[in-house]
Amino acid sequence: MREIPIHYQIACVILTALFIWSFSIAREPRGWRRLFQSMFSKSETFSVNKNKIIDEALKRYGIVIAMVILVVDVSCFVLGVTQQFRDKMRYLTPEQRESMQEINKYQTNSKPGLAP
């Protein structure tokens, strides 16, 4: 079994946590807005419209940010899984690469149902 390098594992764990956190903010913006306002905001006049606008912006941008983090997370996972293969391919001589390409060409041509 191939082992994923530790830096990819750490990045995947952090990115997964960020994805879950940003997705939960986008899913329930009112609670997060209230928490933020109670901790950092001064006592201002209460405005329902302002709070609705903030909630809608949190939802809109939160989903976009969560999806970007998810794409980066999946990309990091794929890079980690393919790391050993990429390292192996990096150190091949040109003759070995050509030989592998020939082998792959013959294997794809020998499969039934594929046109040459």
Protein backbone atom coordinates (compact mmCIF):
# COMPACT_ATOMS: atom_id res chain seq x y z
CA MET A 1 0.00 0.00 0.00
CA ARG A 2 1.28 3.41 -0.90
CA GLU A 3 1.69 5.92 1.84
CA ILE A 4 0.69 9.56 1.37
CA PRO A 5 3.50 11.97 2.42
CA ILE A 6 2.93 13.68 5.77
CA HIS A 7 2.77 17.22 4.40
CA TYR A 8 -0.10 16.21 2.12
CA GLN A 9 -1.86 14.51 5.03
CA ILE A 10 -1.55 17.62 7.21
CA ALA A 11 -2.75 19.87 4.40
CA CYS A 12 -5.76 17.61 3.76
CA VAL A 13 -6.74 17.60 7.44
CA ILE A 14 -6.48 21.39 7.70
CA LEU A 15 -8.32 21.98 4.43
CA THR A 16 -11.08 19.55 5.39
CA ALA A 17 -11.55 21.36 8.71
CA LEU A 18 -11.65 24.72 6.92
CA PHE A 19 -14.18 23.37 4.43
CA ILE A 20 -16.47 22.08 7.19
CA TRP A 21 -16.17 25.35 9.10
CA SER A 22 -16.82 27.59 6.08
CA PHE A 23 -19.69 25.38 4.93
CA SER A 24 -21.29 25.53 8.38
CA ILE A 25 -20.99 29.33 8.34
CA ALA A 26 -22.64 29.45 4.91
CA ARG A 27 -25.36 27.05 6.03
CA GLU A 28 -26.21 28.92 9.26
CA PRO A 29 -25.06 32.53 8.80
CA ARG A 30 -27.37 34.05 11.40
CA GLY A 31 -25.80 32.25 14.35
CA TRP A 32 -22.27 33.03 13.22
CA ARG A 33 -23.15 36.69 12.57
CA ARG A 34 -24.66 36.99 16.05
CA LEU A 35 -21.58 35.39 17.60
CA PHE A 36 -19.29 37.78 15.74
CA GLN A 37 -21.41 40.80 16.60
CA SER A 38 -21.56 39.85 20.27
CA MET A 39 -17.79 39.48 20.46
CA PHE A 40 -16.50 42.31 18.27
CA SER A 41 -19.26 44.76 17.46
CA LYS A 42 -20.14 47.81 19.49
CA SER A 43 -23.68 48.30 20.61
CA GLU A 44 -25.20 50.05 17.65
CA THR A 45 -28.75 50.61 16.62
CA PHE A 46 -30.42 47.37 15.64
CA SER A 47 -31.12 47.15 11.92
CA VAL A 48 -33.00 44.16 10.57
CA ASN A 49 -32.22 45.08 6.96
CA LYS A 50 -28.50 45.42 7.65
CA ASN A 51 -28.44 42.04 9.38
CA LYS A 52 -30.33 40.41 6.49
CA ILE A 53 -27.83 41.83 4.02
CA ILE A 54 -24.94 40.50 6.12
CA ASP A 55 -26.59 37.06 6.37
CA GLU A 56 -27.16 36.91 2.61
CA ALA A 57 -23.56 37.95 1.90
CA LEU A 58 -22.26 35.33 4.35
CA LYS A 59 -24.33 32.67 2.63
CA ARG A 60 -23.32 33.72 -0.90
CA TYR A 61 -19.60 34.10 -0.28
CA GLY A 62 -19.43 31.28 2.25
CA ILE A 63 -20.59 28.70 -0.27
CA VAL A 64 -18.11 29.95 -2.88
CA ILE A 65 -15.24 29.91 -0.39
CA ALA A 66 -16.24 26.46 0.87
CA MET A 67 -16.28 25.05 -2.66
CA VAL A 68 -12.88 26.57 -3.47
CA ILE A 69 -11.45 25.03 -0.29
CA LEU A 70 -13.02 21.68 -1.24
CA VAL A 71 -11.43 21.77 -4.71
CA VAL A 72 -8.03 22.58 -3.20
CA ASP A 73 -8.52 19.79 -0.63
CA VAL A 74 -9.32 17.19 -3.29
CA SER A 75 -6.41 18.41 -5.44
CA CYS A 76 -4.05 18.08 -2.48
CA PHE A 77 -5.32 14.55 -1.84
CA VAL A 78 -4.79 13.55 -5.47
CA LEU A 79 -1.29 15.04 -5.43
CA GLY A 80 -0.50 13.07 -2.30
CA VAL A 81 -1.77 9.80 -3.74
CA THR A 82 0.17 10.25 -7.00
CA GLN A 83 3.39 11.51 -5.37
CA GLN A 84 5.27 8.21 -5.57
CA PHE A 85 4.32 7.69 -9.22
CA ARG A 86 5.43 11.22 -10.12
CA ASP A 87 8.73 10.75 -8.28
CA LYS A 88 9.31 7.48 -10.10
CA MET A 89 8.60 9.07 -13.49
CA ARG A 90 10.87 12.03 -12.76
CA TYR A 91 14.00 9.88 -12.50
CA LEU A 92 13.49 7.81 -15.65
CA THR A 93 15.96 8.14 -18.47
CA PRO A 94 14.66 9.12 -21.92
CA GLU A 95 15.15 5.52 -23.08
CA GLN A 96 13.07 4.19 -20.19
CA ARG A 97 10.32 6.72 -20.91
CA GLU A 98 10.25 5.72 -24.57
CA SER A 99 10.10 2.06 -23.60
CA MET A 100 7.17 2.73 -21.25
CA GLN A 101 5.35 4.66 -23.98
CA GLU A 102 5.80 1.73 -26.38
CA ILE A 103 4.49 -0.71 -23.77
CA ASN A 104 1.47 1.50 -23.09
CA LYS A 105 0.80 1.83 -26.82
CA TYR A 106 0.80 -1.94 -27.31
CA GLN A 107 -1.35 -2.52 -24.23
CA THR A 108 -4.03 -0.07 -25.39
CA ASN A 109 -4.00 -1.54 -28.93
CA SER A 110 -4.36 -5.11 -27.65
CA LYS A 111 -7.52 -4.41 -25.67
CA PRO A 112 -10.64 -5.67 -27.48
CA GLY A 113 -13.14 -3.10 -28.64
CA LEU A 114 -10.64 -0.28 -29.08
CA ALA A 115 -9.90 1.06 -32.52
CA PRO A 116 -6.17 1.37 -33.38
